[in-house]
Amino acid sequence: MAYRINVNGGIVPIKLNPASIYSSFKRQDFIEYLLKVRKVRVIKLNDGSRMVVREDSFSITTRELFNEKATKLLHEKSEQLSAIIKGPVVIVFPEDWKT
């Protein structure tokens, strides 16, 4: 099960199983839908999971708020030690990515 890290610190689980009636995977562009944007960037983390962020999350001029939990996770599980993430992110695990 994937999850979303919100800017305010809340973590929301996301059901990706397309067979489930409770799934968030009803739309082809479900990650873009969850992040409320058209373009996303995918960052592969050291544990095989992926962090999906809004394309402007790394922009200095964005109006998005700093996401402390997502930035900490990125620093712990990747080589991007100076990156700062703004806005919400979605973490997708390898088993979820195959659905």
PDB file of N, CA and C in Angstrom:
ATOM      1  N   MET A   1       0.836  -1.176   0.000  1.00  0.00           N
ATOM      2  CA  MET A   1       0.000   0.000   0.000  1.00  0.00           C
ATOM      3  C   MET A   1       0.887   1.248   0.000  1.00  0.00           C
ATOM      4  N   ALA A   2       0.648   2.125  -0.903  1.00  0.00           N
ATOM      5  CA  ALA A   2       1.383   3.380  -0.982  1.00  0.00           C
ATOM      6  C   ALA A   2       0.819   4.345   0.046  1.00  0.00           C
ATOM      7  N   TYR A   3       1.522   5.452   0.243  1.00  0.00           N
ATOM      8  CA  TYR A   3       0.987   6.474   1.131  1.00  0.00           C
ATOM      9  C   TYR A   3       1.406   7.850   0.665  1.00  0.00           C
ATOM     10  N   ARG A   4       0.653   8.829   1.113  1.00  0.00           N
ATOM     11  CA  ARG A   4       0.913  10.217   0.760  1.00  0.00           C
ATOM     12  C   ARG A   4       1.351  10.956   2.013  1.00  0.00           C
ATOM     13  N   ILE A   5       2.426  11.743   1.902  1.00  0.00           N
ATOM     14  CA  ILE A   5       2.880  12.572   3.009  1.00  0.00           C
ATOM     15  C   ILE A   5       2.428  13.998   2.720  1.00  0.00           C
ATOM     16  N   ASN A   6       1.513  14.495   3.513  1.00  0.00           N
ATOM     17  CA  ASN A   6       1.006  15.843   3.336  1.00  0.00           C
ATOM     18  C   ASN A   6       1.945  16.868   3.961  1.00  0.00           C
ATOM     19  N   VAL A   7       1.823  18.094   3.550  1.00  0.00           N
ATOM     20  CA  VAL A   7       2.673  19.171   4.053  1.00  0.00           C
ATOM     21  C   VAL A   7       2.496  19.359   5.547  1.00  0.00           C
ATOM     22  N   ASN A   8       1.284  19.216   6.043  1.00  0.00           N
ATOM     23  CA  ASN A   8       1.031  19.425   7.469  1.00  0.00           C
ATOM     24  C   ASN A   8       1.491  18.255   8.329  1.00  0.00           C
ATOM     25  N   GLY A   9       2.104  17.247   7.722  1.00  0.00           N
ATOM     26  CA  GLY A   9       2.650  16.117   8.458  1.00  0.00           C
ATOM     27  C   GLY A   9       1.768  14.888   8.452  1.00  0.00           C
ATOM     28  N   GLY A  10       0.547  15.005   7.988  1.00  0.00           N
ATOM     29  CA  GLY A  10      -0.332  13.848   7.960  1.00  0.00           C
ATOM     30  C   GLY A  10       0.079  12.840   6.905  1.00  0.00           C
ATOM     31  N   ILE A  11      -0.109  11.563   7.210  1.00  0.00           N
ATOM     32  CA  ILE A  11       0.203  10.490   6.261  1.00  0.00           C
ATOM     33  C   ILE A  11      -1.100   9.777   5.921  1.00  0.00           C
ATOM     34  N   VAL A  12      -1.392   9.692   4.624  1.00  0.00           N
ATOM     35  CA  VAL A  12      -2.649   9.104   4.158  1.00  0.00           C
ATOM     36  C   VAL A  12      -2.333   7.856   3.345  1.00  0.00           C
ATOM     37  N   PRO A  13      -2.832   6.667   3.749  1.00  0.00           N
ATOM     38  CA  PRO A  13      -2.609   5.464   2.952  1.00  0.00           C
ATOM     39  C   PRO A  13      -3.397   5.528   1.648  1.00  0.00           C
ATOM     40  N   ILE A  14      -2.840   4.925   0.611  1.00  0.00           N
ATOM     41  CA  ILE A  14      -3.470   4.899  -0.702  1.00  0.00           C
ATOM     42  C   ILE A  14      -3.593   3.454  -1.144  1.00  0.00           C
ATOM     43  N   LYS A  15      -4.804   3.008  -1.392  1.00  0.00           N
ATOM     44  CA  LYS A  15      -5.011   1.631  -1.868  1.00  0.00           C
ATOM     45  C   LYS A  15      -4.839   1.616  -3.382  1.00  0.00           C
ATOM     46  N   LEU A  16      -3.877   0.807  -3.846  1.00  0.00           N
ATOM     47  CA  LEU A  16      -3.566   0.774  -5.270  1.00  0.00           C
ATOM     48  C   LEU A  16      -4.141  -0.422  -6.006  1.00  0.00           C
ATOM     49  N   ASN A  17      -4.687  -1.369  -5.297  1.00  0.00           N
ATOM     50  CA  ASN A  17      -5.178  -2.596  -5.924  1.00  0.00           C
ATOM     51  C   ASN A  17      -6.382  -2.278  -6.816  1.00  0.00           C
ATOM     52  N   PRO A  18      -6.242  -2.438  -8.137  1.00  0.00           N
ATOM     53  CA  PRO A  18      -7.360  -2.099  -9.028  1.00  0.00           C
ATOM     54  C   PRO A  18      -8.574  -2.996  -8.857  1.00  0.00           C
ATOM     55  N   ALA A  19      -8.391  -4.165  -8.250  1.00  0.00           N
ATOM     56  CA  ALA A  19      -9.512  -5.081  -8.055  1.00  0.00           C
ATOM     57  C   ALA A  19     -10.387  -4.684  -6.862  1.00  0.00           C
ATOM     58  N   SER A  20      -9.842  -3.859  -5.963  1.00  0.00           N
ATOM     59  CA  SER A  20     -10.569  -3.468  -4.762  1.00  0.00           C
ATOM     60  C   SER A  20     -11.576  -2.361  -5.070  1.00  0.00           C
ATOM     61  N   ILE A  21     -12.755  -2.455  -4.462  1.00  0.00           N
ATOM     62  CA  ILE A  21     -13.748  -1.399  -4.665  1.00  0.00           C
ATOM     63  C   ILE A  21     -13.344  -0.122  -3.932  1.00  0.00           C
ATOM     64  N   TYR A  22     -12.413  -0.225  -2.989  1.00  0.00           N
ATOM     65  CA  TYR A  22     -11.955   0.938  -2.226  1.00  0.00           C
ATOM     66  C   TYR A  22     -10.691   1.549  -2.806  1.00  0.00           C
ATOM     67  N   SER A  23     -10.288   1.099  -3.964  1.00  0.00           N
ATOM     68  CA  SER A  23      -9.022   1.512  -4.554  1.00  0.00           C
ATOM     69  C   SER A  23      -9.030   2.962  -5.014  1.00  0.00           C
ATOM     70  N   SER A  24      -7.855   3.595  -4.926  1.00  0.00           N
ATOM     71  CA  SER A  24      -7.651   4.930  -5.490  1.00  0.00           C
ATOM     72  C   SER A  24      -7.178   4.808  -6.935  1.00  0.00           C
ATOM     73  N   PHE A  25      -7.050   3.592  -7.439  1.00  0.00           N
ATOM     74  CA  PHE A  25      -6.457   3.307  -8.732  1.00  0.00           C
ATOM     75  C   PHE A  25      -7.522   3.233  -9.824  1.00  0.00           C
ATOM     76  N   LYS A  26      -8.526   4.049  -9.740  1.00  0.00           N
ATOM     77  CA  LYS A  26      -9.603   4.016 -10.727  1.00  0.00           C
ATOM     78  C   LYS A  26      -9.283   4.870 -11.945  1.00  0.00           C
ATOM     79  N   ARG A  27      -8.342   5.785 -11.822  1.00  0.00           N
ATOM     80  CA  ARG A  27      -7.980   6.676 -12.921  1.00  0.00           C
ATOM     81  C   ARG A  27      -6.594   6.300 -13.436  1.00  0.00           C
ATOM     82  N   GLN A  28      -6.369   6.439 -14.713  1.00  0.00           N
ATOM     83  CA  GLN A  28      -5.061   6.134 -15.284  1.00  0.00           C
ATOM     84  C   GLN A  28      -3.999   7.100 -14.755  1.00  0.00           C
ATOM     85  N   ASP A  29      -4.377   8.326 -14.521  1.00  0.00           N
ATOM     86  CA  ASP A  29      -3.448   9.335 -14.015  1.00  0.00           C
ATOM     87  C   ASP A  29      -3.654   9.545 -12.514  1.00  0.00           C
ATOM     88  N   PHE A  30      -3.780   8.431 -11.756  1.00  0.00           N
ATOM     89  CA  PHE A  30      -4.160   8.542 -10.356  1.00  0.00           C
ATOM     90  C   PHE A  30      -3.130   9.285  -9.513  1.00  0.00           C
ATOM     91  N   ILE A  31      -1.839   9.140  -9.794  1.00  0.00           N
ATOM     92  CA  ILE A  31      -0.846   9.854  -8.987  1.00  0.00           C
ATOM     93  C   ILE A  31      -0.909  11.350  -9.273  1.00  0.00           C
ATOM     94  N   GLU A  32      -1.027  11.700 -10.533  1.00  0.00           N
ATOM     95  CA  GLU A  32      -1.193  13.110 -10.870  1.00  0.00           C
ATOM     96  C   GLU A  32      -2.478  13.647 -10.238  1.00  0.00           C
ATOM     97  N   TYR A  33      -3.515  12.820 -10.216  1.00  0.00           N
ATOM     98  CA  TYR A  33      -4.784  13.200  -9.605  1.00  0.00           C
ATOM     99  C   TYR A  33      -4.608  13.427  -8.097  1.00  0.00           C
ATOM    100  N   LEU A  34      -3.867  12.536  -7.435  1.00  0.00           N
ATOM    101  CA  LEU A  34      -3.652  12.671  -5.992  1.00  0.00           C
ATOM    102  C   LEU A  34      -2.826  13.901  -5.645  1.00  0.00           C
ATOM    103  N   LEU A  35      -1.854  14.229  -6.498  1.00  0.00           N
ATOM    104  CA  LEU A  35      -1.013  15.393  -6.245  1.00  0.00           C
ATOM    105  C   LEU A  35      -1.591  16.675  -6.849  1.00  0.00           C
ATOM    106  N   LYS A  36      -2.704  16.523  -7.580  1.00  0.00           N
ATOM    107  CA  LYS A  36      -3.419  17.657  -8.177  1.00  0.00           C
ATOM    108  C   LYS A  36      -2.556  18.471  -9.144  1.00  0.00           C
ATOM    109  N   VAL A  37      -1.770  17.755  -9.964  1.00  0.00           N
ATOM    110  CA  VAL A  37      -0.948  18.377 -11.011  1.00  0.00           C
ATOM    111  C   VAL A  37      -0.942  17.489 -12.240  1.00  0.00           C
ATOM    112  N   ARG A  38      -0.416  18.014 -13.340  1.00  0.00           N
ATOM    113  CA  ARG A  38      -0.309  17.212 -14.570  1.00  0.00           C
ATOM    114  C   ARG A  38       1.069  16.586 -14.727  1.00  0.00           C
ATOM    115  N   LYS A  39       2.123  17.242 -14.227  1.00  0.00           N
ATOM    116  CA  LYS A  39       3.484  16.729 -14.394  1.00  0.00           C
ATOM    117  C   LYS A  39       4.081  16.383 -13.042  1.00  0.00           C
ATOM    118  N   VAL A  40       4.678  15.180 -12.968  1.00  0.00           N
ATOM    119  CA  VAL A  40       5.311  14.721 -11.734  1.00  0.00           C
ATOM    120  C   VAL A  40       6.737  14.266 -12.020  1.00  0.00           C
ATOM    121  N   ARG A  41       7.544  14.205 -10.969  1.00  0.00           N
ATOM    122  CA  ARG A  41       8.887  13.631 -11.044  1.00  0.00           C
ATOM    123  C   ARG A  41       8.928  12.411 -10.148  1.00  0.00           C
ATOM    124  N   VAL A  42       9.599  11.363 -10.609  1.00  0.00           N
ATOM    125  CA  VAL A  42       9.736  10.130  -9.834  1.00  0.00           C
ATOM    126  C   VAL A  42      11.183  10.006  -9.386  1.00  0.00           C
ATOM    127  N   ILE A  43      11.378   9.849  -8.077  1.00  0.00           N
ATOM    128  CA  ILE A  43      12.715   9.707  -7.508  1.00  0.00           C
ATOM    129  C   ILE A  43      12.824   8.305  -6.928  1.00  0.00           C
ATOM    130  N   LYS A  44      13.783   7.529  -7.399  1.00  0.00           N
ATOM    131  CA  LYS A  44      13.974   6.180  -6.875  1.00  0.00           C
ATOM    132  C   LYS A  44      14.801   6.272  -5.596  1.00  0.00           C
ATOM    133  N   LEU A  45      14.308   5.653  -4.533  1.00  0.00           N
ATOM    134  CA  LEU A  45      14.995   5.654  -3.247  1.00  0.00           C
ATOM    135  C   LEU A  45      15.832   4.388  -3.103  1.00  0.00           C
ATOM    136  N   ASN A  46      16.750   4.398  -2.142  1.00  0.00           N
ATOM    137  CA  ASN A  46      17.692   3.285  -1.965  1.00  0.00           C
ATOM    138  C   ASN A  46      17.016   1.955  -1.617  1.00  0.00           C
ATOM    139  N   ASP A  47      15.838   2.001  -0.997  1.00  0.00           N
ATOM    140  CA  ASP A  47      15.164   0.760  -0.615  1.00  0.00           C
ATOM    141  C   ASP A  47      14.268   0.193  -1.712  1.00  0.00           C
ATOM    142  N   GLY A  48      14.315   0.786  -2.902  1.00  0.00           N
ATOM    143  CA  GLY A  48      13.520   0.306  -4.029  1.00  0.00           C
ATOM    144  C   GLY A  48      12.192   1.005  -4.182  1.00  0.00           C
ATOM    145  N   SER A  49      11.772   1.732  -3.165  1.00  0.00           N
ATOM    146  CA  SER A  49      10.521   2.483  -3.297  1.00  0.00           C
ATOM    147  C   SER A  49      10.768   3.742  -4.116  1.00  0.00           C
ATOM    148  N   ARG A  50       9.693   4.398  -4.509  1.00  0.00           N
ATOM    149  CA  ARG A  50       9.810   5.614  -5.313  1.00  0.00           C
ATOM    150  C   ARG A  50       9.029   6.730  -4.649  1.00  0.00           C
ATOM    151  N   MET A  51       9.579   7.920  -4.730  1.00  0.00           N
ATOM    152  CA  MET A  51       8.920   9.109  -4.219  1.00  0.00           C
ATOM    153  C   MET A  51       8.444   9.899  -5.429  1.00  0.00           C
ATOM    154  N   VAL A  52       7.157  10.138  -5.504  1.00  0.00           N
ATOM    155  CA  VAL A  52       6.587  10.890  -6.611  1.00  0.00           C
ATOM    156  C   VAL A  52       6.234  12.279  -6.088  1.00  0.00           C
ATOM    157  N   VAL A  53       6.792  13.295  -6.735  1.00  0.00           N
ATOM    158  CA  VAL A  53       6.597  14.671  -6.283  1.00  0.00           C
ATOM    159  C   VAL A  53       6.067  15.516  -7.437  1.00  0.00           C
ATOM    160  N   ARG A  54       5.494  16.641  -7.094  1.00  0.00           N
ATOM    161  CA  ARG A  54       5.108  17.607  -8.117  1.00  0.00           C
ATOM    162  C   ARG A  54       6.368  18.120  -8.781  1.00  0.00           C
ATOM    163  N   GLU A  55       6.292  18.423 -10.060  1.00  0.00           N
ATOM    164  CA  GLU A  55       7.471  18.864 -10.793  1.00  0.00           C
ATOM    165  C   GLU A  55       8.070  20.133 -10.197  1.00  0.00           C
ATOM    166  N   ASP A  56       7.234  20.997  -9.649  1.00  0.00           N
ATOM    167  CA  ASP A  56       7.754  22.248  -9.084  1.00  0.00           C
ATOM    168  C   ASP A  56       8.096  22.135  -7.597  1.00  0.00           C
ATOM    169  N   SER A  57       8.127  20.901  -7.039  1.00  0.00           N
ATOM    170  CA  SER A  57       8.440  20.734  -5.618  1.00  0.00           C
ATOM    171  C   SER A  57       9.858  21.154  -5.261  1.00  0.00           C
ATOM    172  N   PHE A  58      10.774  21.087  -6.233  1.00  0.00           N
ATOM    173  CA  PHE A  58      12.163  21.467  -5.970  1.00  0.00           C
ATOM    174  C   PHE A  58      12.450  22.908  -6.381  1.00  0.00           C
ATOM    175  N   SER A  59      11.471  23.593  -6.945  1.00  0.00           N
ATOM    176  CA  SER A  59      11.664  24.957  -7.416  1.00  0.00           C
ATOM    177  C   SER A  59      11.777  25.925  -6.244  1.00  0.00           C
ATOM    178  N   ILE A  60      12.694  26.857  -6.359  1.00  0.00           N
ATOM    179  CA  ILE A  60      12.881  27.854  -5.311  1.00  0.00           C
ATOM    180  C   ILE A  60      11.715  28.840  -5.287  1.00  0.00           C
ATOM    181  N   THR A  61      11.109  29.081  -6.436  1.00  0.00           N
ATOM    182  CA  THR A  61      10.065  30.095  -6.534  1.00  0.00           C
ATOM    183  C   THR A  61       8.653  29.568  -6.298  1.00  0.00           C
ATOM    184  N   THR A  62       8.475  28.300  -5.984  1.00  0.00           N
ATOM    185  CA  THR A  62       7.134  27.749  -5.778  1.00  0.00           C
ATOM    186  C   THR A  62       6.492  28.312  -4.514  1.00  0.00           C
ATOM    187  N   ARG A  63       5.166  28.346  -4.519  1.00  0.00           N
ATOM    188  CA  ARG A  63       4.431  28.826  -3.349  1.00  0.00           C
ATOM    189  C   ARG A  63       4.076  27.687  -2.397  1.00  0.00           C
ATOM    190  N   GLU A  64       4.505  26.472  -2.728  1.00  0.00           N
ATOM    191  CA  GLU A  64       4.218  25.318  -1.874  1.00  0.00           C
ATOM    192  C   GLU A  64       4.948  25.455  -0.534  1.00  0.00           C
ATOM    193  N   LEU A  65       4.381  24.865   0.502  1.00  0.00           N
ATOM    194  CA  LEU A  65       5.000  24.891   1.823  1.00  0.00           C
ATOM    195  C   LEU A  65       6.031  23.775   1.945  1.00  0.00           C
ATOM    196  N   PHE A  66       7.046  23.990   2.764  1.00  0.00           N
ATOM    197  CA  PHE A  66       8.105  23.021   3.029  1.00  0.00           C
ATOM    198  C   PHE A  66       7.509  21.762   3.638  1.00  0.00           C
ATOM    199  N   ASN A  67       7.890  20.591   3.111  1.00  0.00           N
ATOM    200  CA  ASN A  67       7.419  19.304   3.617  1.00  0.00           C
ATOM    201  C   ASN A  67       8.566  18.647   4.376  1.00  0.00           C
ATOM    202  N   GLU A  68       8.562  18.821   5.683  1.00  0.00           N
ATOM    203  CA  GLU A  68       9.670  18.362   6.527  1.00  0.00           C
ATOM    204  C   GLU A  68       9.832  16.843   6.517  1.00  0.00           C
ATOM    205  N   LYS A  69       8.739  16.101   6.665  1.00  0.00           N
ATOM    206  CA  LYS A  69       8.836  14.630   6.715  1.00  0.00           C
ATOM    207  C   LYS A  69       9.322  14.050   5.396  1.00  0.00           C
ATOM    208  N   ALA A  70       8.826  14.578   4.289  1.00  0.00           N
ATOM    209  CA  ALA A  70       9.246  14.073   2.981  1.00  0.00           C
ATOM    210  C   ALA A  70      10.706  14.406   2.714  1.00  0.00           C
ATOM    211  N   THR A  71      11.143  15.594   3.098  1.00  0.00           N
ATOM    212  CA  THR A  71      12.544  15.984   2.913  1.00  0.00           C
ATOM    213  C   THR A  71      13.459  15.099   3.751  1.00  0.00           C
ATOM    214  N   LYS A  72      13.066  14.825   4.987  1.00  0.00           N
ATOM    215  CA  LYS A  72      13.859  13.953   5.857  1.00  0.00           C
ATOM    216  C   LYS A  72      13.967  12.547   5.267  1.00  0.00           C
ATOM    217  N   LEU A  73      12.860  12.026   4.755  1.00  0.00           N
ATOM    218  CA  LEU A  73      12.863  10.704   4.123  1.00  0.00           C
ATOM    219  C   LEU A  73      13.771  10.685   2.900  1.00  0.00           C
ATOM    220  N   LEU A  74      13.706  11.736   2.088  1.00  0.00           N
ATOM    221  CA  LEU A  74      14.560  11.817   0.905  1.00  0.00           C
ATOM    222  C   LEU A  74      16.030  11.832   1.295  1.00  0.00           C
ATOM    223  N   HIS A  75      16.390  12.573   2.325  1.00  0.00           N
ATOM    224  CA  HIS A  75      17.785  12.644   2.774  1.00  0.00           C
ATOM    225  C   HIS A  75      18.263  11.302   3.326  1.00  0.00           C
ATOM    226  N   GLU A  76      17.393  10.578   4.022  1.00  0.00           N
ATOM    227  CA  GLU A  76      17.769   9.292   4.615  1.00  0.00           C
ATOM    228  C   GLU A  76      17.887   8.173   3.583  1.00  0.00           C
ATOM    229  N   LYS A  77      17.080   8.218   2.520  1.00  0.00           N
ATOM    230  CA  LYS A  77      17.001   7.082   1.599  1.00  0.00           C
ATOM    231  C   LYS A  77      17.489   7.383   0.192  1.00  0.00           C
ATOM    232  N   SER A  78      18.254   8.461   0.013  1.00  0.00           N
ATOM    233  CA  SER A  78      18.801   8.750  -1.308  1.00  0.00           C
ATOM    234  C   SER A  78      20.107   9.506  -1.154  1.00  0.00           C
ATOM    235  N   GLU A  79      20.720   9.806  -2.274  1.00  0.00           N
ATOM    236  CA  GLU A  79      21.974  10.555  -2.276  1.00  0.00           C
ATOM    237  C   GLU A  79      21.740  12.064  -2.378  1.00  0.00           C
ATOM    238  N   GLN A  80      20.486  12.476  -2.411  1.00  0.00           N
ATOM    239  CA  GLN A  80      20.148  13.901  -2.551  1.00  0.00           C
ATOM    240  C   GLN A  80      20.065  14.539  -1.167  1.00  0.00           C
ATOM    241  N   LEU A  81      21.218  14.856  -0.607  1.00  0.00           N
ATOM    242  CA  LEU A  81      21.269  15.328   0.772  1.00  0.00           C
ATOM    243  C   LEU A  81      20.964  16.804   0.925  1.00  0.00           C
ATOM    244  N   SER A  82      21.002  17.555  -0.142  1.00  0.00           N
ATOM    245  CA  SER A  82      20.740  18.988  -0.015  1.00  0.00           C
ATOM    246  C   SER A  82      19.383  19.389  -0.595  1.00  0.00           C
ATOM    247  N   ALA A  83      18.645  18.442  -1.151  1.00  0.00           N
ATOM    248  CA  ALA A  83      17.350  18.762  -1.766  1.00  0.00           C
ATOM    249  C   ALA A  83      16.318  19.079  -0.692  1.00  0.00           C
ATOM    250  N   ILE A  84      15.445  20.011  -0.995  1.00  0.00           N
ATOM    251  CA  ILE A  84      14.339  20.375  -0.116  1.00  0.00           C
ATOM    252  C   ILE A  84      13.051  20.183  -0.907  1.00  0.00           C
ATOM    253  N   ILE A  85      12.118  19.442  -0.330  1.00  0.00           N
ATOM    254  CA  ILE A  85      10.853  19.163  -1.009  1.00  0.00           C
ATOM    255  C   ILE A  85       9.769  20.071  -0.458  1.00  0.00           C
ATOM    256  N   LYS A  86       9.002  20.621  -1.361  1.00  0.00           N
ATOM    257  CA  LYS A  86       7.858  21.450  -0.987  1.00  0.00           C
ATOM    258  C   LYS A  86       6.614  20.804  -1.568  1.00  0.00           C
ATOM    259  N   GLY A  87       5.533  20.851  -0.827  1.00  0.00           N
ATOM    260  CA  GLY A  87       4.284  20.250  -1.284  1.00  0.00           C
ATOM    261  C   GLY A  87       4.183  18.790  -0.895  1.00  0.00           C
ATOM    262  N   PRO A  88       3.045  18.162  -1.180  1.00  0.00           N
ATOM    263  CA  PRO A  88       2.830  16.758  -0.821  1.00  0.00           C
ATOM    264  C   PRO A  88       3.608  15.825  -1.739  1.00  0.00           C
ATOM    265  N   VAL A  89       3.870  14.609  -1.248  1.00  0.00           N
ATOM    266  CA  VAL A  89       4.531  13.580  -2.052  1.00  0.00           C
ATOM    267  C   VAL A  89       3.765  12.273  -1.886  1.00  0.00           C
ATOM    268  N   VAL A  90       3.955  11.364  -2.836  1.00  0.00           N
ATOM    269  CA  VAL A  90       3.389  10.023  -2.740  1.00  0.00           C
ATOM    270  C   VAL A  90       4.547   9.046  -2.753  1.00  0.00           C
ATOM    271  N   ILE A  91       4.568   8.129  -1.793  1.00  0.00           N
ATOM    272  CA  ILE A  91       5.586   7.081  -1.717  1.00  0.00           C
ATOM    273  C   ILE A  91       4.958   5.798  -2.246  1.00  0.00           C
ATOM    274  N   VAL A  92       5.595   5.211  -3.249  1.00  0.00           N
ATOM    275  CA  VAL A  92       5.081   3.989  -3.867  1.00  0.00           C
ATOM    276  C   VAL A  92       6.117   2.890  -3.671  1.00  0.00           C
ATOM    277  N   PHE A  93       5.699   1.775  -3.104  1.00  0.00           N
ATOM    278  CA  PHE A  93       6.595   0.649  -2.869  1.00  0.00           C
ATOM    279  C   PHE A  93       6.712  -0.225  -4.106  1.00  0.00           C
ATOM    280  N   PRO A  94       7.790  -1.023  -4.225  1.00  0.00           N
ATOM    281  CA  PRO A  94       7.987  -1.830  -5.447  1.00  0.00           C
ATOM    282  C   PRO A  94       6.798  -2.715  -5.792  1.00  0.00           C
ATOM    283  N   GLU A  95       6.183  -3.335  -4.803  1.00  0.00           N
ATOM    284  CA  GLU A  95       5.042  -4.211  -5.091  1.00  0.00           C
ATOM    285  C   GLU A  95       3.836  -3.423  -5.599  1.00  0.00           C
ATOM    286  N   ASP A  96       3.684  -2.174  -5.165  1.00  0.00           N
ATOM    287  CA  ASP A  96       2.595  -1.335  -5.648  1.00  0.00           C
ATOM    288  C   ASP A  96       2.864  -0.851  -7.067  1.00  0.00           C
ATOM    289  N   TRP A  97       4.130  -0.613  -7.380  1.00  0.00           N
ATOM    290  CA  TRP A  97       4.496  -0.057  -8.691  1.00  0.00           C
ATOM    291  C   TRP A  97       4.156  -1.037  -9.805  1.00  0.00           C
ATOM    292  N   LYS A  98       4.099  -2.338  -9.491  1.00  0.00           N
ATOM    293  CA  LYS A  98       3.828  -3.350 -10.512  1.00  0.00           C
ATOM    294  C   LYS A  98       2.347  -3.462 -10.845  1.00  0.00           C
ATOM    295  N   THR A  99       1.458  -2.864 -10.051  1.00  0.00           N
ATOM    296  CA  THR A  99       0.022  -2.976 -10.325  1.00  0.00           C
ATOM    297  C   THR A  99      -0.386  -2.107 -11.481  1.00  0.00           C
TER     298      THR A  99
END
